[in-house]
């Protein structure tokens, strides 16, 4: 399944430093990233959807966002959207 491609964290775009350098080494998002990347999502039931229209987001990225929101007591999708716009 073709998912929307994410930007590389090491690529310089708008900022003078890359996104990976802006996040502290002991930040919890690094632990979430490592944990979700170690999972076999297809084995856990994250099946590919039929492709119609715009490609879907990668289930791993959505799971990372959900875990981040759960750890920071943000349950609603609107709060998560605001946090994504406010925070890196």
PDB file of N, CA and C in Angstrom:
ATOM      1  N   UNK A   1       0.842  -1.184   0.000  1.00  0.00           N
ATOM      2  CA  UNK A   1       0.000   0.000   0.000  1.00  0.00           C
ATOM      3  C   UNK A   1       0.877   1.233   0.000  1.00  0.00           C
ATOM      4  N   UNK A   2       0.538   2.164  -0.784  1.00  0.00           N
ATOM      5  CA  UNK A   2       1.277   3.413  -0.869  1.00  0.00           C
ATOM      6  C   UNK A   2       0.695   4.412   0.137  1.00  0.00           C
ATOM      7  N   UNK A   3       1.540   4.865   1.056  1.00  0.00           N
ATOM      8  CA  UNK A   3       1.122   5.836   2.059  1.00  0.00           C
ATOM      9  C   UNK A   3       1.712   7.194   1.725  1.00  0.00           C
ATOM     10  N   UNK A   4       1.171   8.228   2.360  1.00  0.00           N
ATOM     11  CA  UNK A   4       1.757   9.548   2.224  1.00  0.00           C
ATOM     12  C   UNK A   4       3.169   9.503   2.773  1.00  0.00           C
ATOM     13  N   UNK A   5       4.111  10.046   2.036  1.00  0.00           N
ATOM     14  CA  UNK A   5       5.509   9.998   2.439  1.00  0.00           C
ATOM     15  C   UNK A   5       5.804  11.125   3.420  1.00  0.00           C
ATOM     16  N   UNK A   6       6.500  10.785   4.496  1.00  0.00           N
ATOM     17  CA  UNK A   6       6.854  11.797   5.480  1.00  0.00           C
ATOM     18  C   UNK A   6       8.188  12.428   5.106  1.00  0.00           C
ATOM     19  N   UNK A   7       8.423  13.607   5.655  1.00  0.00           N
ATOM     20  CA  UNK A   7       9.675  14.317   5.416  1.00  0.00           C
ATOM     21  C   UNK A   7      10.788  13.679   6.243  1.00  0.00           C
ATOM     22  N   UNK A   8      11.967  13.664   5.707  1.00  0.00           N
ATOM     23  CA  UNK A   8      13.122  13.153   6.432  1.00  0.00           C
ATOM     24  C   UNK A   8      13.482  14.119   7.552  1.00  0.00           C
ATOM     25  N   UNK A   9      13.758  13.587   8.733  1.00  0.00           N
ATOM     26  CA  UNK A   9      14.100  14.441   9.868  1.00  0.00           C
ATOM     27  C   UNK A   9      15.481  15.056   9.729  1.00  0.00           C
ATOM     28  N   UNK A  10      16.310  14.507   8.884  1.00  0.00           N
ATOM     29  CA  UNK A  10      17.668  15.039   8.733  1.00  0.00           C
ATOM     30  C   UNK A  10      17.778  16.047   7.587  1.00  0.00           C
ATOM     31  N   UNK A  11      16.684  16.291   6.883  1.00  0.00           N
ATOM     32  CA  UNK A  11      16.687  17.217   5.755  1.00  0.00           C
ATOM     33  C   UNK A  11      16.510  18.650   6.247  1.00  0.00           C
ATOM     34  N   UNK A  12      17.295  19.543   5.721  1.00  0.00           N
ATOM     35  CA  UNK A  12      17.160  20.961   6.043  1.00  0.00           C
ATOM     36  C   UNK A  12      16.105  21.566   5.129  1.00  0.00           C
ATOM     37  N   UNK A  13      15.075  22.157   5.717  1.00  0.00           N
ATOM     38  CA  UNK A  13      14.031  22.777   4.899  1.00  0.00           C
ATOM     39  C   UNK A  13      13.845  24.234   5.291  1.00  0.00           C
ATOM     40  N   UNK A  14      13.026  24.503   6.264  1.00  0.00           N
ATOM     41  CA  UNK A  14      12.694  25.867   6.659  1.00  0.00           C
ATOM     42  C   UNK A  14      13.663  26.402   7.714  1.00  0.00           C
ATOM     43  N   UNK A  15      14.153  25.522   8.553  1.00  0.00           N
ATOM     44  CA  UNK A  15      15.004  25.933   9.667  1.00  0.00           C
ATOM     45  C   UNK A  15      16.476  25.820   9.285  1.00  0.00           C
ATOM     46  N   UNK A  16      17.332  26.428  10.086  1.00  0.00           N
ATOM     47  CA  UNK A  16      18.766  26.335   9.836  1.00  0.00           C
ATOM     48  C   UNK A  16      19.344  25.022  10.348  1.00  0.00           C
ATOM     49  N   UNK A  17      18.623  24.356  11.235  1.00  0.00           N
ATOM     50  CA  UNK A  17      19.030  23.034  11.704  1.00  0.00           C
ATOM     51  C   UNK A  17      17.972  22.033  11.284  1.00  0.00           C
ATOM     52  N   UNK A  18      18.338  20.771  11.281  1.00  0.00           N
ATOM     53  CA  UNK A  18      17.360  19.760  10.891  1.00  0.00           C
ATOM     54  C   UNK A  18      16.438  19.439  12.080  1.00  0.00           C
ATOM     55  N   UNK A  19      15.304  18.876  11.795  1.00  0.00           N
ATOM     56  CA  UNK A  19      14.292  18.576  12.796  1.00  0.00           C
ATOM     57  C   UNK A  19      14.819  17.616  13.854  1.00  0.00           C
ATOM     58  N   UNK A  20      15.648  16.694  13.454  1.00  0.00           N
ATOM     59  CA  UNK A  20      16.189  15.713  14.391  1.00  0.00           C
ATOM     60  C   UNK A  20      17.075  16.377  15.437  1.00  0.00           C
ATOM     61  N   UNK A  21      17.766  17.446  15.068  1.00  0.00           N
ATOM     62  CA  UNK A  21      18.616  18.158  16.019  1.00  0.00           C
ATOM     63  C   UNK A  21      17.816  19.020  16.989  1.00  0.00           C
ATOM     64  N   UNK A  22      16.588  19.362  16.651  1.00  0.00           N
ATOM     65  CA  UNK A  22      15.766  20.220  17.497  1.00  0.00           C
ATOM     66  C   UNK A  22      15.119  19.454  18.650  1.00  0.00           C
ATOM     67  N   UNK A  23      15.111  18.143  18.572  1.00  0.00           N
ATOM     68  CA  UNK A  23      14.488  17.316  19.611  1.00  0.00           C
ATOM     69  C   UNK A  23      15.586  16.773  20.513  1.00  0.00           C
ATOM     70  N   UNK A  24      15.411  16.945  21.808  1.00  0.00           N
ATOM     71  CA  UNK A  24      16.422  16.503  22.768  1.00  0.00           C
ATOM     72  C   UNK A  24      16.582  14.986  22.723  1.00  0.00           C
ATOM     73  N   UNK A  25      17.776  14.541  23.063  1.00  0.00           N
ATOM     74  CA  UNK A  25      18.077  13.101  23.005  1.00  0.00           C
ATOM     75  C   UNK A  25      17.281  12.307  24.022  1.00  0.00           C
ATOM     76  N   UNK A  26      16.868  12.929  25.136  1.00  0.00           N
ATOM     77  CA  UNK A  26      16.124  12.215  26.172  1.00  0.00           C
ATOM     78  C   UNK A  26      14.618  12.474  26.115  1.00  0.00           C
ATOM     79  N   UNK A  27      14.133  13.025  25.017  1.00  0.00           N
ATOM     80  CA  UNK A  27      12.708  13.294  24.859  1.00  0.00           C
ATOM     81  C   UNK A  27      11.943  11.983  24.674  1.00  0.00           C
ATOM     82  N   UNK A  28      10.715  11.940  25.200  1.00  0.00           N
ATOM     83  CA  UNK A  28       9.919  10.713  25.120  1.00  0.00           C
ATOM     84  C   UNK A  28       9.498  10.372  23.697  1.00  0.00           C
ATOM     85  N   UNK A  29       9.461  11.345  22.794  1.00  0.00           N
ATOM     86  CA  UNK A  29       9.064  11.042  21.420  1.00  0.00           C
ATOM     87  C   UNK A  29      10.063  10.109  20.746  1.00  0.00           C
ATOM     88  N   UNK A  30      11.319  10.158  21.169  1.00  0.00           N
ATOM     89  CA  UNK A  30      12.311   9.229  20.623  1.00  0.00           C
ATOM     90  C   UNK A  30      12.010   7.797  21.061  1.00  0.00           C
ATOM     91  N   UNK A  31      11.570   7.621  22.305  1.00  0.00           N
ATOM     92  CA  UNK A  31      11.204   6.287  22.787  1.00  0.00           C
ATOM     93  C   UNK A  31       9.969   5.772  22.054  1.00  0.00           C
ATOM     94  N   UNK A  32       8.994   6.647  21.833  1.00  0.00           N
ATOM     95  CA  UNK A  32       7.790   6.259  21.090  1.00  0.00           C
ATOM     96  C   UNK A  32       8.156   5.855  19.677  1.00  0.00           C
ATOM     97  N   UNK A  33       9.005   6.629  19.040  1.00  0.00           N
ATOM     98  CA  UNK A  33       9.437   6.350  17.669  1.00  0.00           C
ATOM     99  C   UNK A  33      10.126   4.989  17.577  1.00  0.00           C
ATOM    100  N   UNK A  34      11.044   4.728  18.496  1.00  0.00           N
ATOM    101  CA  UNK A  34      11.770   3.453  18.494  1.00  0.00           C
ATOM    102  C   UNK A  34      10.834   2.289  18.770  1.00  0.00           C
ATOM    103  N   UNK A  35       9.907   2.469  19.716  1.00  0.00           N
ATOM    104  CA  UNK A  35       8.970   1.400  20.068  1.00  0.00           C
ATOM    105  C   UNK A  35       8.067   1.034  18.900  1.00  0.00           C
ATOM    106  N   UNK A  36       7.454   2.035  18.274  1.00  0.00           N
ATOM    107  CA  UNK A  36       6.514   1.760  17.177  1.00  0.00           C
ATOM    108  C   UNK A  36       7.247   1.188  15.969  1.00  0.00           C
ATOM    109  N   UNK A  37       8.454   1.670  15.705  1.00  0.00           N
ATOM    110  CA  UNK A  37       9.222   1.141  14.577  1.00  0.00           C
ATOM    111  C   UNK A  37       9.631  -0.311  14.793  1.00  0.00           C
ATOM    112  N   UNK A  38       9.702  -0.755  16.046  1.00  0.00           N
ATOM    113  CA  UNK A  38      10.075  -2.142  16.320  1.00  0.00           C
ATOM    114  C   UNK A  38       8.891  -3.106  16.196  1.00  0.00           C
ATOM    115  N   UNK A  39       7.676  -2.585  16.107  1.00  0.00           N
ATOM    116  CA  UNK A  39       6.486  -3.428  16.013  1.00  0.00           C
ATOM    117  C   UNK A  39       6.244  -3.909  14.588  1.00  0.00           C
ATOM    118  N   UNK A  40       5.680  -5.103  14.472  1.00  0.00           N
ATOM    119  CA  UNK A  40       5.224  -5.609  13.182  1.00  0.00           C
ATOM    120  C   UNK A  40       3.738  -5.292  13.079  1.00  0.00           C
ATOM    121  N   UNK A  41       3.419  -4.158  12.481  1.00  0.00           N
ATOM    122  CA  UNK A  41       2.042  -3.666  12.491  1.00  0.00           C
ATOM    123  C   UNK A  41       1.093  -4.545  11.684  1.00  0.00           C
ATOM    124  N   UNK A  42       1.560  -5.153  10.618  1.00  0.00           N
ATOM    125  CA  UNK A  42       0.684  -6.036   9.839  1.00  0.00           C
ATOM    126  C   UNK A  42       0.296  -7.258  10.654  1.00  0.00           C
ATOM    127  N   UNK A  43       1.210  -7.758  11.454  1.00  0.00           N
ATOM    128  CA  UNK A  43       0.920  -8.911  12.319  1.00  0.00           C
ATOM    129  C   UNK A  43      -0.074  -8.530  13.415  1.00  0.00           C
ATOM    130  N   UNK A  44      -0.068  -7.260  13.824  1.00  0.00           N
ATOM    131  CA  UNK A  44      -0.975  -6.789  14.872  1.00  0.00           C
ATOM    132  C   UNK A  44      -2.357  -6.410  14.344  1.00  0.00           C
ATOM    133  N   UNK A  45      -2.572  -6.508  13.034  1.00  0.00           N
ATOM    134  CA  UNK A  45      -3.900  -6.258  12.478  1.00  0.00           C
ATOM    135  C   UNK A  45      -4.057  -4.938  11.753  1.00  0.00           C
ATOM    136  N   UNK A  46      -2.986  -4.201  11.539  1.00  0.00           N
ATOM    137  CA  UNK A  46      -3.059  -2.963  10.770  1.00  0.00           C
ATOM    138  C   UNK A  46      -2.993  -3.335   9.292  1.00  0.00           C
ATOM    139  N   UNK A  47      -4.146  -3.556   8.695  1.00  0.00           N
ATOM    140  CA  UNK A  47      -4.209  -4.008   7.306  1.00  0.00           C
ATOM    141  C   UNK A  47      -4.225  -2.817   6.352  1.00  0.00           C
ATOM    142  N   UNK A  48      -3.769  -3.055   5.141  1.00  0.00           N
ATOM    143  CA  UNK A  48      -3.793  -2.028   4.107  1.00  0.00           C
ATOM    144  C   UNK A  48      -5.220  -1.806   3.641  1.00  0.00           C
ATOM    145  N   UNK A  49      -5.525  -0.557   3.357  1.00  0.00           N
ATOM    146  CA  UNK A  49      -6.852  -0.213   2.854  1.00  0.00           C
ATOM    147  C   UNK A  49      -6.826  -0.147   1.338  1.00  0.00           C
ATOM    148  N   UNK A  50      -7.982  -0.300   0.734  1.00  0.00           N
ATOM    149  CA  UNK A  50      -8.074  -0.168  -0.715  1.00  0.00           C
ATOM    150  C   UNK A  50      -7.751   1.267  -1.099  1.00  0.00           C
ATOM    151  N   UNK A  51      -7.011   1.427  -2.163  1.00  0.00           N
ATOM    152  CA  UNK A  51      -6.596   2.772  -2.552  1.00  0.00           C
ATOM    153  C   UNK A  51      -7.700   3.452  -3.356  1.00  0.00           C
ATOM    154  N   UNK A  52      -8.244   4.481  -2.796  1.00  0.00           N
ATOM    155  CA  UNK A  52      -9.226   5.320  -3.472  1.00  0.00           C
ATOM    156  C   UNK A  52      -8.924   6.753  -3.080  1.00  0.00           C
ATOM    157  N   UNK A  53      -8.775   7.605  -4.049  1.00  0.00           N
ATOM    158  CA  UNK A  53      -8.528   9.006  -3.755  1.00  0.00           C
ATOM    159  C   UNK A  53      -7.142   9.245  -3.191  1.00  0.00           C
ATOM    160  N   UNK A  54      -7.089  10.104  -2.200  1.00  0.00           N
ATOM    161  CA  UNK A  54      -5.812  10.478  -1.581  1.00  0.00           C
ATOM    162  C   UNK A  54      -5.242   9.294  -0.790  1.00  0.00           C
ATOM    163  N   UNK A  55      -3.928   9.065  -0.870  1.00  0.00           N
ATOM    164  CA  UNK A  55      -3.352   7.957  -0.112  1.00  0.00           C
ATOM    165  C   UNK A  55      -3.467   8.202   1.390  1.00  0.00           C
ATOM    166  N   UNK A  56      -3.643   7.147   2.166  1.00  0.00           N
ATOM    167  CA  UNK A  56      -3.793   7.315   3.622  1.00  0.00           C
ATOM    168  C   UNK A  56      -2.450   7.601   4.285  1.00  0.00           C
ATOM    169  N   UNK A  57      -2.535   8.055   5.534  1.00  0.00           N
ATOM    170  CA  UNK A  57      -1.327   8.235   6.326  1.00  0.00           C
ATOM    171  C   UNK A  57      -0.798   6.870   6.743  1.00  0.00           C
ATOM    172  N   UNK A  58       0.483   6.812   6.991  1.00  0.00           N
ATOM    173  CA  UNK A  58       1.114   5.579   7.441  1.00  0.00           C
ATOM    174  C   UNK A  58       0.571   5.222   8.825  1.00  0.00           C
ATOM    175  N   UNK A  59       0.091   3.992   9.029  1.00  0.00           N
ATOM    176  CA  UNK A  59      -0.435   3.612  10.340  1.00  0.00           C
ATOM    177  C   UNK A  59       0.587   3.763  11.463  1.00  0.00           C
ATOM    178  N   UNK A  60       1.863   3.596  11.167  1.00  0.00           N
ATOM    179  CA  UNK A  60       2.896   3.773  12.196  1.00  0.00           C
ATOM    180  C   UNK A  60       2.930   5.223  12.664  1.00  0.00           C
ATOM    181  N   UNK A  61       2.792   6.169  11.749  1.00  0.00           N
ATOM    182  CA  UNK A  61       2.797   7.584  12.132  1.00  0.00           C
ATOM    183  C   UNK A  61       1.572   7.927  12.973  1.00  0.00           C
ATOM    184  N   UNK A  62       0.427   7.390  12.610  1.00  0.00           N
ATOM    185  CA  UNK A  62      -0.791   7.646  13.376  1.00  0.00           C
ATOM    186  C   UNK A  62      -0.721   7.020  14.761  1.00  0.00           C
ATOM    187  N   UNK A  63      -0.122   5.833  14.860  1.00  0.00           N
ATOM    188  CA  UNK A  63       0.041   5.190  16.160  1.00  0.00           C
ATOM    189  C   UNK A  63       0.987   5.986  17.045  1.00  0.00           C
ATOM    190  N   UNK A  64       2.046   6.513  16.471  1.00  0.00           N
ATOM    191  CA  UNK A  64       2.978   7.357  17.230  1.00  0.00           C
ATOM    192  C   UNK A  64       2.261   8.593  17.760  1.00  0.00           C
ATOM    193  N   UNK A  65       1.439   9.209  16.928  1.00  0.00           N
ATOM    194  CA  UNK A  65       0.683  10.385  17.346  1.00  0.00           C
ATOM    195  C   UNK A  65      -0.306  10.038  18.451  1.00  0.00           C
ATOM    196  N   UNK A  66      -0.990   8.906  18.332  1.00  0.00           N
ATOM    197  CA  UNK A  66      -1.959   8.479  19.336  1.00  0.00           C
ATOM    198  C   UNK A  66      -1.274   8.217  20.678  1.00  0.00           C
ATOM    199  N   UNK A  67      -0.132   7.535  20.666  1.00  0.00           N
ATOM    200  CA  UNK A  67       0.594   7.250  21.907  1.00  0.00           C
ATOM    201  C   UNK A  67       1.083   8.544  22.541  1.00  0.00           C
ATOM    202  N   UNK A  68       1.593   9.474  21.728  1.00  0.00           N
ATOM    203  CA  UNK A  68       2.029  10.771  22.247  1.00  0.00           C
ATOM    204  C   UNK A  68       0.857  11.502  22.914  1.00  0.00           C
ATOM    205  N   UNK A  69      -0.290  11.509  22.254  1.00  0.00           N
ATOM    206  CA  UNK A  69      -1.465  12.167  22.820  1.00  0.00           C
ATOM    207  C   UNK A  69      -1.938  11.496  24.094  1.00  0.00           C
ATOM    208  N   UNK A  70      -1.884  10.183  24.144  1.00  0.00           N
ATOM    209  CA  UNK A  70      -2.310   9.457  25.341  1.00  0.00           C
ATOM    210  C   UNK A  70      -1.370   9.766  26.502  1.00  0.00           C
ATOM    211  N   UNK A  71      -0.075   9.844  26.245  1.00  0.00           N
ATOM    212  CA  UNK A  71       0.891  10.137  27.309  1.00  0.00           C
ATOM    213  C   UNK A  71       0.763  11.574  27.822  1.00  0.00           C
ATOM    214  N   UNK A  72       0.262  12.471  26.985  1.00  0.00           N
ATOM    215  CA  UNK A  72       0.120  13.879  27.365  1.00  0.00           C
ATOM    216  C   UNK A  72      -1.326  14.279  27.623  1.00  0.00           C
ATOM    217  N   UNK A  73      -2.191  13.300  27.840  1.00  0.00           N
ATOM    218  CA  UNK A  73      -3.604  13.503  28.195  1.00  0.00           C
ATOM    219  C   UNK A  73      -4.368  14.313  27.154  1.00  0.00           C
ATOM    220  N   UNK A  74      -4.108  14.016  25.894  1.00  0.00           N
ATOM    221  CA  UNK A  74      -4.853  14.624  24.796  1.00  0.00           C
ATOM    222  C   UNK A  74      -5.603  13.511  24.086  1.00  0.00           C
ATOM    223  N   UNK A  75      -6.876  13.401  24.318  1.00  0.00           N
ATOM    224  CA  UNK A  75      -7.651  12.298  23.761  1.00  0.00           C
ATOM    225  C   UNK A  75      -8.380  12.670  22.462  1.00  0.00           C
ATOM    226  N   UNK A  76      -8.699  13.946  22.288  1.00  0.00           N
ATOM    227  CA  UNK A  76      -9.487  14.328  21.121  1.00  0.00           C
ATOM    228  C   UNK A  76      -8.590  14.610  19.923  1.00  0.00           C
ATOM    229  N   UNK A  77      -9.128  14.367  18.755  1.00  0.00           N
ATOM    230  CA  UNK A  77      -8.368  14.609  17.534  1.00  0.00           C
ATOM    231  C   UNK A  77      -8.120  16.100  17.322  1.00  0.00           C
ATOM    232  N   UNK A  78      -9.018  16.938  17.816  1.00  0.00           N
ATOM    233  CA  UNK A  78      -8.814  18.382  17.672  1.00  0.00           C
ATOM    234  C   UNK A  78      -7.656  18.863  18.539  1.00  0.00           C
ATOM    235  N   UNK A  79      -7.543  18.326  19.740  1.00  0.00           N
ATOM    236  CA  UNK A  79      -6.406  18.686  20.606  1.00  0.00           C
ATOM    237  C   UNK A  79      -5.095  18.198  19.991  1.00  0.00           C
ATOM    238  N   UNK A  80      -5.113  16.997  19.405  1.00  0.00           N
ATOM    239  CA  UNK A  80      -3.911  16.475  18.759  1.00  0.00           C
ATOM    240  C   UNK A  80      -3.518  17.337  17.560  1.00  0.00           C
ATOM    241  N   UNK A  81      -4.515  17.804  16.827  1.00  0.00           N
ATOM    242  CA  UNK A  81      -4.225  18.675  15.678  1.00  0.00           C
ATOM    243  C   UNK A  81      -3.596  19.988  16.141  1.00  0.00           C
ATOM    244  N   UNK A  82      -4.147  20.573  17.196  1.00  0.00           N
ATOM    245  CA  UNK A  82      -3.579  21.805  17.715  1.00  0.00           C
ATOM    246  C   UNK A  82      -2.147  21.588  18.215  1.00  0.00           C
ATOM    247  N   UNK A  83      -1.915  20.459  18.873  1.00  0.00           N
ATOM    248  CA  UNK A  83      -0.588  20.163  19.377  1.00  0.00           C
ATOM    249  C   UNK A  83       0.414  19.955  18.229  1.00  0.00           C
ATOM    250  N   UNK A  84      -0.034  19.334  17.157  1.00  0.00           N
ATOM    251  CA  UNK A  84       0.849  19.155  15.996  1.00  0.00           C
ATOM    252  C   UNK A  84       1.208  20.477  15.346  1.00  0.00           C
ATOM    253  N   UNK A  85       0.277  21.415  15.339  1.00  0.00           N
ATOM    254  CA  UNK A  85       0.567  22.732  14.771  1.00  0.00           C
ATOM    255  C   UNK A  85       1.414  23.579  15.700  1.00  0.00           C
ATOM    256  N   UNK A  86       1.241  23.411  17.013  1.00  0.00           N
ATOM    257  CA  UNK A  86       1.960  24.217  17.996  1.00  0.00           C
ATOM    258  C   UNK A  86       3.362  23.677  18.245  1.00  0.00           C
ATOM    259  N   UNK A  87       3.473  22.375  18.371  1.00  0.00           N
ATOM    260  CA  UNK A  87       4.720  21.741  18.752  1.00  0.00           C
ATOM    261  C   UNK A  87       5.337  21.059  17.539  1.00  0.00           C
ATOM    262  N   UNK A  88       6.648  20.886  17.565  1.00  0.00           N
ATOM    263  CA  UNK A  88       7.326  20.215  16.452  1.00  0.00           C
ATOM    264  C   UNK A  88       6.782  18.822  16.335  1.00  0.00           C
TER     265      UNK A  88
END
